[in-house]
Amino acid sequence: MDKAAAIALSALGWTLADDDRAQRLLALTGLSPDDLRSRVGEPALLAATLRFLEAHEPDLIACAEALNVEPVELIEAQRALEQ
């Protein structure tokens, strides 16, 4: 697994650890819990998770702090996954 995918998977785990945030992710992306389970390793899903965090700066910053990375690393991971 490359670094971008690893960061994104960690960010997805962080996002899903909070019920309100997880519900907001599902609502805004149109994904279902089954979609998440079946597509968890897909670059498009991982990039969507990072876009979700980028769209709400407080979550982006909190996630970066929790993962011990800089917020820009989350954005760079998103871009790498979208290529």
PDB file of N, CA and C in Angstrom:
ATOM      1  N   MET A   1       0.850  -1.184   0.000  1.00  0.00           N
ATOM      2  CA  MET A   1       0.000   0.000   0.000  1.00  0.00           C
ATOM      3  C   MET A   1       0.888   1.237   0.000  1.00  0.00           C
ATOM      4  N   ASP A   2       0.534   2.212  -0.825  1.00  0.00           N
ATOM      5  CA  ASP A   2       1.351   3.418  -0.874  1.00  0.00           C
ATOM      6  C   ASP A   2       0.961   4.376   0.255  1.00  0.00           C
ATOM      7  N   LYS A   3       1.787   5.397   0.408  1.00  0.00           N
ATOM      8  CA  LYS A   3       1.601   6.328   1.518  1.00  0.00           C
ATOM      9  C   LYS A   3       0.262   7.058   1.441  1.00  0.00           C
ATOM     10  N   ALA A   4      -0.134   7.489   0.235  1.00  0.00           N
ATOM     11  CA  ALA A   4      -1.401   8.215   0.084  1.00  0.00           C
ATOM     12  C   ALA A   4      -2.578   7.357   0.530  1.00  0.00           C
ATOM     13  N   ALA A   5      -2.591   6.097   0.117  1.00  0.00           N
ATOM     14  CA  ALA A   5      -3.681   5.196   0.505  1.00  0.00           C
ATOM     15  C   ALA A   5      -3.668   4.945   2.012  1.00  0.00           C
ATOM     16  N   ALA A   6      -2.493   4.791   2.579  1.00  0.00           N
ATOM     17  CA  ALA A   6      -2.389   4.547   4.021  1.00  0.00           C
ATOM     18  C   ALA A   6      -2.922   5.745   4.811  1.00  0.00           C
ATOM     19  N   ILE A   7      -2.556   6.947   4.383  1.00  0.00           N
ATOM     20  CA  ILE A   7      -3.049   8.155   5.054  1.00  0.00           C
ATOM     21  C   ILE A   7      -4.567   8.235   4.922  1.00  0.00           C
ATOM     22  N   ALA A   8      -5.070   7.975   3.721  1.00  0.00           N
ATOM     23  CA  ALA A   8      -6.507   8.062   3.482  1.00  0.00           C
ATOM     24  C   ALA A   8      -7.277   7.020   4.280  1.00  0.00           C
ATOM     25  N   LEU A   9      -6.759   5.819   4.372  1.00  0.00           N
ATOM     26  CA  LEU A   9      -7.427   4.785   5.176  1.00  0.00           C
ATOM     27  C   LEU A   9      -7.474   5.197   6.645  1.00  0.00           C
ATOM     28  N   SER A  10      -6.384   5.757   7.128  1.00  0.00           N
ATOM     29  CA  SER A  10      -6.366   6.242   8.509  1.00  0.00           C
ATOM     30  C   SER A  10      -7.370   7.368   8.699  1.00  0.00           C
ATOM     31  N   ALA A  11      -7.460   8.256   7.715  1.00  0.00           N
ATOM     32  CA  ALA A  11      -8.420   9.361   7.783  1.00  0.00           C
ATOM     33  C   ALA A  11      -9.854   8.836   7.744  1.00  0.00           C
ATOM     34  N   LEU A  12     -10.095   7.810   6.940  1.00  0.00           N
ATOM     35  CA  LEU A  12     -11.430   7.208   6.894  1.00  0.00           C
ATOM     36  C   LEU A  12     -11.775   6.611   8.253  1.00  0.00           C
ATOM     37  N   GLY A  13     -10.847   5.906   8.852  1.00  0.00           N
ATOM     38  CA  GLY A  13     -11.074   5.346  10.188  1.00  0.00           C
ATOM     39  C   GLY A  13     -11.371   6.426  11.204  1.00  0.00           C
ATOM     40  N   TRP A  14     -10.624   7.523  11.143  1.00  0.00           N
ATOM     41  CA  TRP A  14     -10.851   8.641  12.066  1.00  0.00           C
ATOM     42  C   TRP A  14     -12.240   9.214  11.839  1.00  0.00           C
ATOM     43  N   THR A  15     -12.614   9.381  10.587  1.00  0.00           N
ATOM     44  CA  THR A  15     -13.921   9.945  10.247  1.00  0.00           C
ATOM     45  C   THR A  15     -15.048   9.069  10.768  1.00  0.00           C
ATOM     46  N   LEU A  16     -14.921   7.780  10.590  1.00  0.00           N
ATOM     47  CA  LEU A  16     -15.985   6.855  10.980  1.00  0.00           C
ATOM     48  C   LEU A  16     -16.058   6.626  12.489  1.00  0.00           C
ATOM     49  N   ALA A  17     -15.034   7.038  13.218  1.00  0.00           N
ATOM     50  CA  ALA A  17     -15.022   6.839  14.668  1.00  0.00           C
ATOM     51  C   ALA A  17     -16.004   7.760  15.392  1.00  0.00           C
ATOM     52  N   ASP A  18     -16.456   8.803  14.715  1.00  0.00           N
ATOM     53  CA  ASP A  18     -17.418   9.735  15.298  1.00  0.00           C
ATOM     54  C   ASP A  18     -18.741   9.565  14.558  1.00  0.00           C
ATOM     55  N   ASP A  19     -19.797   9.197  15.266  1.00  0.00           N
ATOM     56  CA  ASP A  19     -21.086   8.903  14.621  1.00  0.00           C
ATOM     57  C   ASP A  19     -21.626  10.074  13.804  1.00  0.00           C
ATOM     58  N   ASP A  20     -21.582  11.275  14.364  1.00  0.00           N
ATOM     59  CA  ASP A  20     -22.107  12.431  13.635  1.00  0.00           C
ATOM     60  C   ASP A  20     -21.311  12.684  12.356  1.00  0.00           C
ATOM     61  N   ARG A  21     -19.999  12.613  12.462  1.00  0.00           N
ATOM     62  CA  ARG A  21     -19.145  12.831  11.296  1.00  0.00           C
ATOM     63  C   ARG A  21     -19.362  11.728  10.267  1.00  0.00           C
ATOM     64  N   ALA A  22     -19.486  10.497  10.725  1.00  0.00           N
ATOM     65  CA  ALA A  22     -19.717   9.373   9.813  1.00  0.00           C
ATOM     66  C   ALA A  22     -21.039   9.543   9.070  1.00  0.00           C
ATOM     67  N   GLN A  23     -22.086   9.964   9.783  1.00  0.00           N
ATOM     68  CA  GLN A  23     -23.376  10.176   9.141  1.00  0.00           C
ATOM     69  C   GLN A  23     -23.306  11.313   8.123  1.00  0.00           C
ATOM     70  N   ARG A  24     -22.551  12.344   8.451  1.00  0.00           N
ATOM     71  CA  ARG A  24     -22.380  13.465   7.520  1.00  0.00           C
ATOM     72  C   ARG A  24     -21.639  13.005   6.265  1.00  0.00           C
ATOM     73  N   LEU A  25     -20.621  12.164   6.427  1.00  0.00           N
ATOM     74  CA  LEU A  25     -19.893  11.605   5.276  1.00  0.00           C
ATOM     75  C   LEU A  25     -20.844  10.822   4.384  1.00  0.00           C
ATOM     76  N   LEU A  26     -21.637   9.967   4.976  1.00  0.00           N
ATOM     77  CA  LEU A  26     -22.576   9.162   4.194  1.00  0.00           C
ATOM     78  C   LEU A  26     -23.593  10.048   3.481  1.00  0.00           C
ATOM     79  N   ALA A  27     -24.109  11.034   4.190  1.00  0.00           N
ATOM     80  CA  ALA A  27     -25.125  11.916   3.596  1.00  0.00           C
ATOM     81  C   ALA A  27     -24.558  12.734   2.436  1.00  0.00           C
ATOM     82  N   LEU A  28     -23.369  13.263   2.615  1.00  0.00           N
ATOM     83  CA  LEU A  28     -22.798  14.138   1.585  1.00  0.00           C
ATOM     84  C   LEU A  28     -22.255  13.369   0.381  1.00  0.00           C
ATOM     85  N   THR A  29     -21.816  12.142   0.598  1.00  0.00           N
ATOM     86  CA  THR A  29     -21.260  11.370  -0.514  1.00  0.00           C
ATOM     87  C   THR A  29     -22.287  10.466  -1.174  1.00  0.00           C
ATOM     88  N   GLY A  30     -23.397  10.217  -0.484  1.00  0.00           N
ATOM     89  CA  GLY A  30     -24.396   9.305  -1.030  1.00  0.00           C
ATOM     90  C   GLY A  30     -24.030   7.841  -0.855  1.00  0.00           C
ATOM     91  N   LEU A  31     -22.969   7.587  -0.122  1.00  0.00           N
ATOM     92  CA  LEU A  31     -22.547   6.210   0.129  1.00  0.00           C
ATOM     93  C   LEU A  31     -23.394   5.585   1.230  1.00  0.00           C
ATOM     94  N   SER A  32     -23.487   4.278   1.186  1.00  0.00           N
ATOM     95  CA  SER A  32     -24.140   3.533   2.259  1.00  0.00           C
ATOM     96  C   SER A  32     -23.050   2.818   3.051  1.00  0.00           C
ATOM     97  N   PRO A  33     -23.371   2.341   4.244  1.00  0.00           N
ATOM     98  CA  PRO A  33     -22.382   1.553   4.989  1.00  0.00           C
ATOM     99  C   PRO A  33     -21.878   0.346   4.177  1.00  0.00           C
ATOM    100  N   ASP A  34     -22.768  -0.286   3.414  1.00  0.00           N
ATOM    101  CA  ASP A  34     -22.338  -1.415   2.577  1.00  0.00           C
ATOM    102  C   ASP A  34     -21.361  -0.963   1.501  1.00  0.00           C
ATOM    103  N   ASP A  35     -21.611   0.215   0.913  1.00  0.00           N
ATOM    104  CA  ASP A  35     -20.674   0.761  -0.074  1.00  0.00           C
ATOM    105  C   ASP A  35     -19.293   0.929   0.543  1.00  0.00           C
ATOM    106  N   LEU A  36     -19.270   1.490   1.740  1.00  0.00           N
ATOM    107  CA  LEU A  36     -17.984   1.693   2.411  1.00  0.00           C
ATOM    108  C   LEU A  36     -17.248   0.376   2.616  1.00  0.00           C
ATOM    109  N   ARG A  37     -17.970  -0.617   3.094  1.00  0.00           N
ATOM    110  CA  ARG A  37     -17.333  -1.917   3.351  1.00  0.00           C
ATOM    111  C   ARG A  37     -16.796  -2.551   2.077  1.00  0.00           C
ATOM    112  N   SER A  38     -17.561  -2.468   1.006  1.00  0.00           N
ATOM    113  CA  SER A  38     -17.158  -3.151  -0.224  1.00  0.00           C
ATOM    114  C   SER A  38     -16.112  -2.373  -1.025  1.00  0.00           C
ATOM    115  N   ARG A  39     -16.013  -1.065  -0.798  1.00  0.00           N
ATOM    116  CA  ARG A  39     -15.122  -0.245  -1.616  1.00  0.00           C
ATOM    117  C   ARG A  39     -13.992   0.399  -0.818  1.00  0.00           C
ATOM    118  N   VAL A  40     -13.772  -0.049   0.400  1.00  0.00           N
ATOM    119  CA  VAL A  40     -12.863   0.640   1.322  1.00  0.00           C
ATOM    120  C   VAL A  40     -11.459   0.868   0.750  1.00  0.00           C
ATOM    121  N   GLY A  41     -10.960   0.007  -0.086  1.00  0.00           N
ATOM    122  CA  GLY A  41      -9.612   0.178  -0.608  1.00  0.00           C
ATOM    123  C   GLY A  41      -9.532   0.885  -1.943  1.00  0.00           C
ATOM    124  N   GLU A  42     -10.662   1.291  -2.496  1.00  0.00           N
ATOM    125  CA  GLU A  42     -10.664   1.938  -3.809  1.00  0.00           C
ATOM    126  C   GLU A  42     -10.146   3.378  -3.705  1.00  0.00           C
ATOM    127  N   PRO A  43      -9.227   3.736  -4.601  1.00  0.00           N
ATOM    128  CA  PRO A  43      -8.692   5.103  -4.566  1.00  0.00           C
ATOM    129  C   PRO A  43      -9.775   6.179  -4.643  1.00  0.00           C
ATOM    130  N   ALA A  44     -10.827   5.969  -5.421  1.00  0.00           N
ATOM    131  CA  ALA A  44     -11.883   6.985  -5.547  1.00  0.00           C
ATOM    132  C   ALA A  44     -12.597   7.202  -4.217  1.00  0.00           C
ATOM    133  N   LEU A  45     -12.864   6.142  -3.488  1.00  0.00           N
ATOM    134  CA  LEU A  45     -13.526   6.266  -2.193  1.00  0.00           C
ATOM    135  C   LEU A  45     -12.598   6.952  -1.190  1.00  0.00           C
ATOM    136  N   LEU A  46     -11.335   6.582  -1.207  1.00  0.00           N
ATOM    137  CA  LEU A  46     -10.377   7.193  -0.292  1.00  0.00           C
ATOM    138  C   LEU A  46     -10.209   8.675  -0.598  1.00  0.00           C
ATOM    139  N   ALA A  47     -10.146   9.025  -1.873  1.00  0.00           N
ATOM    140  CA  ALA A  47     -10.031  10.429  -2.259  1.00  0.00           C
ATOM    141  C   ALA A  47     -11.286  11.195  -1.841  1.00  0.00           C
ATOM    142  N   ALA A  48     -12.458  10.589  -1.982  1.00  0.00           N
ATOM    143  CA  ALA A  48     -13.707  11.235  -1.573  1.00  0.00           C
ATOM    144  C   ALA A  48     -13.711  11.520  -0.081  1.00  0.00           C
ATOM    145  N   THR A  49     -13.167  10.613   0.697  1.00  0.00           N
ATOM    146  CA  THR A  49     -13.067  10.828   2.141  1.00  0.00           C
ATOM    147  C   THR A  49     -12.207  12.043   2.440  1.00  0.00           C
ATOM    148  N   LEU A  50     -11.090  12.155   1.755  1.00  0.00           N
ATOM    149  CA  LEU A  50     -10.204  13.292   1.986  1.00  0.00           C
ATOM    150  C   LEU A  50     -10.828  14.594   1.485  1.00  0.00           C
ATOM    151  N   ARG A  51     -11.570  14.554   0.386  1.00  0.00           N
ATOM    152  CA  ARG A  51     -12.295  15.750  -0.080  1.00  0.00           C
ATOM    153  C   ARG A  51     -13.334  16.180   0.952  1.00  0.00           C
ATOM    154  N   PHE A  52     -13.996  15.194   1.548  1.00  0.00           N
ATOM    155  CA  PHE A  52     -14.974  15.463   2.599  1.00  0.00           C
ATOM    156  C   PHE A  52     -14.308  16.221   3.754  1.00  0.00           C
ATOM    157  N   LEU A  53     -13.142  15.787   4.159  1.00  0.00           N
ATOM    158  CA  LEU A  53     -12.435  16.457   5.251  1.00  0.00           C
ATOM    159  C   LEU A  53     -11.962  17.842   4.828  1.00  0.00           C
ATOM    160  N   GLU A  54     -11.485  17.949   3.600  1.00  0.00           N
ATOM    161  CA  GLU A  54     -10.995  19.238   3.107  1.00  0.00           C
ATOM    162  C   GLU A  54     -12.119  20.279   3.078  1.00  0.00           C
ATOM    163  N   ALA A  55     -13.334  19.839   2.833  1.00  0.00           N
ATOM    164  CA  ALA A  55     -14.466  20.752   2.725  1.00  0.00           C
ATOM    165  C   ALA A  55     -14.856  21.372   4.068  1.00  0.00           C
ATOM    166  N   HIS A  56     -14.383  20.794   5.159  1.00  0.00           N
ATOM    167  CA  HIS A  56     -14.692  21.318   6.493  1.00  0.00           C
ATOM    168  C   HIS A  56     -13.372  21.425   7.256  1.00  0.00           C
ATOM    169  N   GLU A  57     -12.764  22.593   7.185  1.00  0.00           N
ATOM    170  CA  GLU A  57     -11.415  22.781   7.709  1.00  0.00           C
ATOM    171  C   GLU A  57     -11.223  22.318   9.158  1.00  0.00           C
ATOM    172  N   PRO A  58     -12.178  22.551  10.065  1.00  0.00           N
ATOM    173  CA  PRO A  58     -11.959  22.048  11.430  1.00  0.00           C
ATOM    174  C   PRO A  58     -11.752  20.529  11.475  1.00  0.00           C
ATOM    175  N   ASP A  59     -12.495  19.795  10.655  1.00  0.00           N
ATOM    176  CA  ASP A  59     -12.297  18.340  10.603  1.00  0.00           C
ATOM    177  C   ASP A  59     -10.949  17.993   9.986  1.00  0.00           C
ATOM    178  N   LEU A  60     -10.562  18.710   8.936  1.00  0.00           N
ATOM    179  CA  LEU A  60      -9.270  18.465   8.297  1.00  0.00           C
ATOM    180  C   LEU A  60      -8.140  18.633   9.301  1.00  0.00           C
ATOM    181  N   ILE A  61      -8.191  19.717  10.050  1.00  0.00           N
ATOM    182  CA  ILE A  61      -7.139  19.999  11.029  1.00  0.00           C
ATOM    183  C   ILE A  61      -7.171  18.978  12.162  1.00  0.00           C
ATOM    184  N   ALA A  62      -8.348  18.658  12.665  1.00  0.00           N
ATOM    185  CA  ALA A  62      -8.454  17.686  13.758  1.00  0.00           C
ATOM    186  C   ALA A  62      -7.967  16.309  13.313  1.00  0.00           C
ATOM    187  N   CYS A  63      -8.308  15.918  12.100  1.00  0.00           N
ATOM    188  CA  CYS A  63      -7.865  14.626  11.586  1.00  0.00           C
ATOM    189  C   CYS A  63      -6.350  14.607  11.443  1.00  0.00           C
ATOM    190  N   ALA A  64      -5.803  15.661  10.882  1.00  0.00           N
ATOM    191  CA  ALA A  64      -4.349  15.730  10.718  1.00  0.00           C
ATOM    192  C   ALA A  64      -3.651  15.624  12.071  1.00  0.00           C
ATOM    193  N   GLU A  65      -4.172  16.329  13.059  1.00  0.00           N
ATOM    194  CA  GLU A  65      -3.577  16.257  14.397  1.00  0.00           C
ATOM    195  C   GLU A  65      -3.670  14.843  14.957  1.00  0.00           C
ATOM    196  N   ALA A  66      -4.823  14.207  14.783  1.00  0.00           N
ATOM    197  CA  ALA A  66      -5.004  12.848  15.296  1.00  0.00           C
ATOM    198  C   ALA A  66      -4.070  11.855  14.613  1.00  0.00           C
ATOM    199  N   LEU A  67      -3.804  12.082  13.328  1.00  0.00           N
ATOM    200  CA  LEU A  67      -2.931  11.162  12.576  1.00  0.00           C
ATOM    201  C   LEU A  67      -1.463  11.564  12.639  1.00  0.00           C
ATOM    202  N   ASN A  68      -1.194  12.699  13.308  1.00  0.00           N
ATOM    203  CA  ASN A  68       0.161  13.209  13.450  1.00  0.00           C
ATOM    204  C   ASN A  68       0.798  13.506  12.092  1.00  0.00           C
ATOM    205  N   VAL A  69       0.012  14.162  11.226  1.00  0.00           N
ATOM    206  CA  VAL A  69       0.501  14.621   9.930  1.00  0.00           C
ATOM    207  C   VAL A  69       0.077  16.076   9.769  1.00  0.00           C
ATOM    208  N   GLU A  70       0.648  16.738   8.804  1.00  0.00           N
ATOM    209  CA  GLU A  70       0.245  18.101   8.478  1.00  0.00           C
ATOM    210  C   GLU A  70      -1.013  18.052   7.611  1.00  0.00           C
ATOM    211  N   PRO A  71      -1.912  19.018   7.746  1.00  0.00           N
ATOM    212  CA  PRO A  71      -3.108  19.023   6.909  1.00  0.00           C
ATOM    213  C   PRO A  71      -2.798  18.939   5.414  1.00  0.00           C
ATOM    214  N   VAL A  72      -1.718  19.565   4.997  1.00  0.00           N
ATOM    215  CA  VAL A  72      -1.352  19.536   3.579  1.00  0.00           C
ATOM    216  C   VAL A  72      -1.063  18.098   3.105  1.00  0.00           C
ATOM    217  N   GLU A  73      -0.614  17.244   4.001  1.00  0.00           N
ATOM    218  CA  GLU A  73      -0.362  15.849   3.629  1.00  0.00           C
ATOM    219  C   GLU A  73      -1.659  15.128   3.274  1.00  0.00           C
ATOM    220  N   LEU A  74      -2.745  15.497   3.932  1.00  0.00           N
ATOM    221  CA  LEU A  74      -4.044  14.913   3.589  1.00  0.00           C
ATOM    222  C   LEU A  74      -4.477  15.364   2.195  1.00  0.00           C
ATOM    223  N   ILE A  75      -4.245  16.634   1.899  1.00  0.00           N
ATOM    224  CA  ILE A  75      -4.603  17.160   0.581  1.00  0.00           C
ATOM    225  C   ILE A  75      -3.718  16.543  -0.496  1.00  0.00           C
ATOM    226  N   GLU A  76      -2.447  16.417  -0.220  1.00  0.00           N
ATOM    227  CA  GLU A  76      -1.537  15.789  -1.179  1.00  0.00           C
ATOM    228  C   GLU A  76      -1.924  14.334  -1.426  1.00  0.00           C
ATOM    229  N   ALA A  77      -2.333  13.636  -0.384  1.00  0.00           N
ATOM    230  CA  ALA A  77      -2.772  12.248  -0.536  1.00  0.00           C
ATOM    231  C   ALA A  77      -4.012  12.182  -1.418  1.00  0.00           C
ATOM    232  N   GLN A  78      -4.930  13.109  -1.220  1.00  0.00           N
ATOM    233  CA  GLN A  78      -6.129  13.152  -2.050  1.00  0.00           C
ATOM    234  C   GLN A  78      -5.756  13.316  -3.516  1.00  0.00           C
ATOM    235  N   ARG A  79      -4.889  14.250  -3.791  1.00  0.00           N
ATOM    236  CA  ARG A  79      -4.478  14.492  -5.180  1.00  0.00           C
ATOM    237  C   ARG A  79      -3.789  13.274  -5.772  1.00  0.00           C
ATOM    238  N   ALA A  80      -2.956  12.623  -4.998  1.00  0.00           N
ATOM    239  CA  ALA A  80      -2.265  11.425  -5.490  1.00  0.00           C
ATOM    240  C   ALA A  80      -3.259  10.319  -5.818  1.00  0.00           C
ATOM    241  N   LEU A  81      -4.279  10.171  -4.994  1.00  0.00           N
ATOM    242  CA  LEU A  81      -5.277   9.129  -5.224  1.00  0.00           C
ATOM    243  C   LEU A  81      -6.161   9.418  -6.438  1.00  0.00           C
ATOM    244  N   GLU A  82      -6.293  10.681  -6.781  1.00  0.00           N
ATOM    245  CA  GLU A  82      -7.136  11.059  -7.908  1.00  0.00           C
ATOM    246  C   GLU A  82      -6.422  10.960  -9.252  1.00  0.00           C
ATOM    247  N   GLN A  83      -5.141  10.713  -9.245  1.00  0.00           N
ATOM    248  CA  GLN A  83      -4.386  10.614 -10.511  1.00  0.00           C
ATOM    249  C   GLN A  83      -4.577   9.280 -11.166  1.00  0.00           C
TER     250      GLN A  83
END
